[in-house]
Amino acid sequence: MISTELIRRYPFFAGLTKDQIATLAKVANEVHVERGHSFFREGDELNTFYMVVEGSVNITIGIPDQFKRHSLVDQITNNLDMVDTTVSNVTEGNVFGWSALIPPYRSSASAVASKPCQVIAFNCEQLRPILERDCEFALRMTIKAAQIIRSRLHDMRIESLAFVS
């Protein structure tokens, strides 16, 4: 458990009630990681979402390696050599791992610490049953997740335009 005051000071949690913030504090822990730490990989089942307190985290997706020749069979069978491309950098006060809140709870990207980090880890295995009972809380968290998704899609669009150029 962490302090409710730590959560309350970040804009992502604005609009939540004191009880909702207290619930989040009960399912949260502070975690310190070194540069290069992998929080999760694209396609992993997620049971935790995170907020960066200090440091930064790269959100990456795998794309086919454009410098390797892929046969038609490899392309059809999706047996391609992939490289990770950073599509977003999550900094202090921002959240990542939102897929832990949205079924089917599978990561749509990877997350790797780009420098030493302090994060708050929210245990969604404990949080989900609470959200199922409290529709208002669930709606607020879903809207917040949707806002992150919108932002990341924008980042990905900008990144893909830079990649094409």
Protein backbone atom coordinates (compact mmCIF):
# COMPACT_ATOMS: atom_id res chain seq x y z
CA MET A 1 0.00 0.00 0.00
CA ILE A 2 1.15 3.52 -0.71
CA SER A 3 0.05 6.94 0.49
CA THR A 4 -3.16 8.38 -0.96
CA GLU A 5 -1.38 11.74 -1.09
CA LEU A 6 1.17 10.32 -3.53
CA ILE A 7 -1.62 9.27 -5.90
CA ARG A 8 -3.72 12.39 -5.42
CA ARG A 9 -1.02 14.76 -6.68
CA TYR A 10 -0.98 13.32 -10.23
CA PRO A 11 -3.39 14.64 -12.89
CA PHE A 12 -4.28 11.13 -14.14
CA PHE A 13 -6.20 10.58 -10.90
CA ALA A 14 -8.04 13.93 -10.95
CA GLY A 15 -11.78 13.52 -10.60
CA LEU A 16 -11.59 10.35 -8.54
CA THR A 17 -13.23 10.39 -5.12
CA LYS A 18 -11.28 10.01 -1.88
CA ASP A 19 -12.61 6.44 -1.57
CA GLN A 20 -11.54 5.58 -5.10
CA ILE A 21 -8.06 6.97 -4.48
CA ALA A 22 -7.90 5.03 -1.20
CA THR A 23 -8.83 1.86 -3.11
CA LEU A 24 -6.03 2.48 -5.61
CA ALA A 25 -3.57 3.09 -2.77
CA LYS A 26 -4.47 -0.28 -1.23
CA VAL A 27 -3.64 -2.18 -4.43
CA ALA A 28 -0.44 -0.24 -5.17
CA ASN A 29 3.25 -0.61 -4.40
CA GLU A 30 6.30 1.46 -5.21
CA VAL A 31 8.83 -0.30 -7.42
CA HIS A 32 12.38 0.78 -8.30
CA VAL A 33 13.97 -0.60 -11.49
CA GLU A 34 17.20 -0.08 -13.39
CA ARG A 35 17.59 1.13 -16.97
CA GLY A 36 16.71 -1.65 -19.41
CA HIS A 37 14.17 -3.33 -17.10
CA SER A 38 11.36 -4.88 -19.15
CA PHE A 39 7.98 -4.33 -17.50
CA PHE A 40 6.18 -6.42 -20.13
CA ARG A 41 6.38 -7.51 -23.75
CA GLU A 42 3.88 -7.07 -26.54
CA GLY A 43 1.22 -9.78 -26.25
CA ASP A 44 1.82 -10.54 -22.55
CA GLU A 45 -1.11 -10.94 -20.20
CA LEU A 46 -1.14 -7.86 -17.97
CA ASN A 47 -2.23 -7.73 -14.37
CA THR A 48 -0.54 -4.46 -13.44
CA PHE A 49 -0.67 -0.91 -14.67
CA TYR A 50 1.99 1.60 -13.74
CA MET A 51 2.54 5.28 -13.15
CA VAL A 52 6.01 6.77 -13.51
CA VAL A 53 7.08 8.70 -10.40
CA GLU A 54 10.68 9.23 -11.50
CA GLY A 55 12.53 8.30 -14.70
CA SER A 56 11.04 7.31 -18.04
CA VAL A 57 9.78 4.26 -19.88
CA ASN A 58 9.86 3.56 -23.62
CA ILE A 59 6.76 2.05 -25.18
CA THR A 60 7.84 -0.06 -28.15
CA ILE A 61 6.22 -2.18 -30.82
CA GLY A 62 7.79 -4.81 -33.01
CA ILE A 63 7.99 -4.05 -36.70
CA PRO A 64 9.51 -6.16 -39.49
CA ASP A 65 13.23 -5.52 -39.89
CA GLN A 66 13.42 -3.51 -43.11
CA PHE A 67 17.08 -4.41 -43.61
CA LYS A 68 16.43 -8.17 -43.75
CA ARG A 69 15.02 -9.93 -46.76
CA HIS A 70 11.86 -11.88 -45.93
CA SER A 71 10.64 -14.61 -48.25
CA LEU A 72 7.03 -14.73 -49.38
CA VAL A 73 6.51 -17.81 -47.17
CA ASP A 74 7.88 -15.92 -44.15
CA GLN A 75 5.53 -13.05 -44.90
CA ILE A 76 2.50 -15.32 -45.26
CA THR A 77 3.32 -17.30 -42.10
CA ASN A 78 4.26 -14.14 -40.19
CA ASN A 79 7.73 -15.55 -39.51
CA LEU A 80 9.50 -12.21 -39.79
CA ASP A 81 12.60 -10.85 -38.10
CA MET A 82 11.32 -8.03 -35.93
CA VAL A 83 12.94 -4.96 -34.38
CA ASP A 84 11.54 -2.91 -31.51
CA THR A 85 10.63 0.66 -32.38
CA THR A 86 9.86 3.26 -29.72
CA VAL A 87 6.47 4.82 -30.33
CA SER A 88 6.14 6.73 -27.07
CA ASN A 89 8.17 7.75 -24.04
CA VAL A 90 6.28 7.80 -20.75
CA THR A 91 7.64 10.32 -18.26
CA GLU A 92 6.97 11.34 -14.68
CA GLY A 93 3.30 11.50 -13.75
CA ASN A 94 2.12 9.43 -16.70
CA VAL A 95 0.62 5.96 -16.81
CA PHE A 96 1.44 2.89 -18.90
CA GLY A 97 0.18 -0.68 -18.99
CA TRP A 98 -3.44 0.42 -19.42
CA SER A 99 -4.19 -2.94 -21.06
CA ALA A 100 -4.36 -4.39 -17.54
CA LEU A 101 -7.63 -2.47 -17.15
CA ILE A 102 -9.25 -3.40 -20.48
CA PRO A 103 -10.21 -6.97 -21.49
CA PRO A 104 -8.64 -9.18 -22.77
CA TYR A 105 -5.82 -7.78 -20.58
CA ARG A 106 -3.13 -8.32 -23.24
CA SER A 107 -0.36 -5.86 -23.87
CA SER A 108 -0.51 -4.08 -27.21
CA ALA A 109 3.14 -2.97 -26.89
CA SER A 110 6.27 -3.50 -24.79
CA ALA A 111 7.52 -1.27 -21.98
CA VAL A 112 11.20 -0.88 -21.06
CA ALA A 113 12.80 1.53 -18.59
CA SER A 114 14.89 4.01 -20.59
CA LYS A 115 16.62 5.11 -17.38
CA PRO A 116 16.40 4.10 -13.73
CA CYS A 117 12.77 4.43 -12.64
CA GLN A 118 10.54 4.65 -9.65
CA VAL A 119 7.00 3.58 -10.52
CA ILE A 120 3.78 2.89 -8.72
CA ALA A 121 2.50 -0.57 -9.68
CA PHE A 122 -1.28 -1.06 -9.39
CA ASN A 123 -2.37 -4.69 -8.96
CA CYS A 124 -5.30 -5.13 -11.35
CA GLU A 125 -6.07 -8.67 -10.16
CA GLN A 126 -7.15 -6.99 -6.92
CA LEU A 127 -8.64 -3.91 -8.62
CA ARG A 128 -10.82 -5.57 -11.28
CA PRO A 129 -13.34 -7.16 -8.86
CA ILE A 130 -13.76 -3.76 -7.19
CA LEU A 131 -14.39 -2.10 -10.56
CA GLU A 132 -16.96 -4.80 -11.41
CA ARG A 133 -18.94 -3.84 -8.29
CA ASP A 134 -18.50 -0.07 -8.62
CA CYS A 135 -19.72 1.05 -12.06
CA GLU A 136 -18.93 4.72 -11.48
CA PHE A 137 -15.33 3.94 -10.55
CA ALA A 138 -15.06 1.56 -13.52
CA LEU A 139 -16.39 4.23 -15.89
CA ARG A 140 -13.91 6.83 -14.61
CA MET A 141 -10.97 4.42 -14.97
CA THR A 142 -12.14 3.34 -18.44
CA ILE A 143 -12.37 6.95 -19.59
CA LYS A 144 -8.87 7.59 -18.23
CA ALA A 145 -7.57 4.51 -20.07
CA ALA A 146 -9.28 5.71 -23.26
CA GLN A 147 -7.53 9.06 -22.94
CA ILE A 148 -4.17 7.27 -22.72
CA ILE A 149 -5.06 5.14 -25.74
CA ARG A 150 -5.96 8.25 -27.72
CA SER A 151 -2.67 9.88 -26.80
CA ARG A 152 -0.62 6.79 -27.67
CA LEU A 153 -2.41 6.43 -31.02
CA HIS A 154 -1.49 10.04 -31.77
CA ASP A 155 2.14 9.33 -30.79
CA MET A 156 2.16 6.22 -32.96
CA ARG A 157 0.74 8.14 -35.91
CA ILE A 158 3.46 10.78 -35.61
CA GLU A 159 6.14 8.08 -35.26
CA SER A 160 4.86 6.19 -38.30
CA LEU A 161 4.91 9.38 -40.38
CA ALA A 162 8.54 9.94 -39.36
CA PHE A 163 9.34 6.32 -40.23
CA VAL A 164 7.80 6.65 -43.71
CA SER A 165 9.73 9.84 -44.47
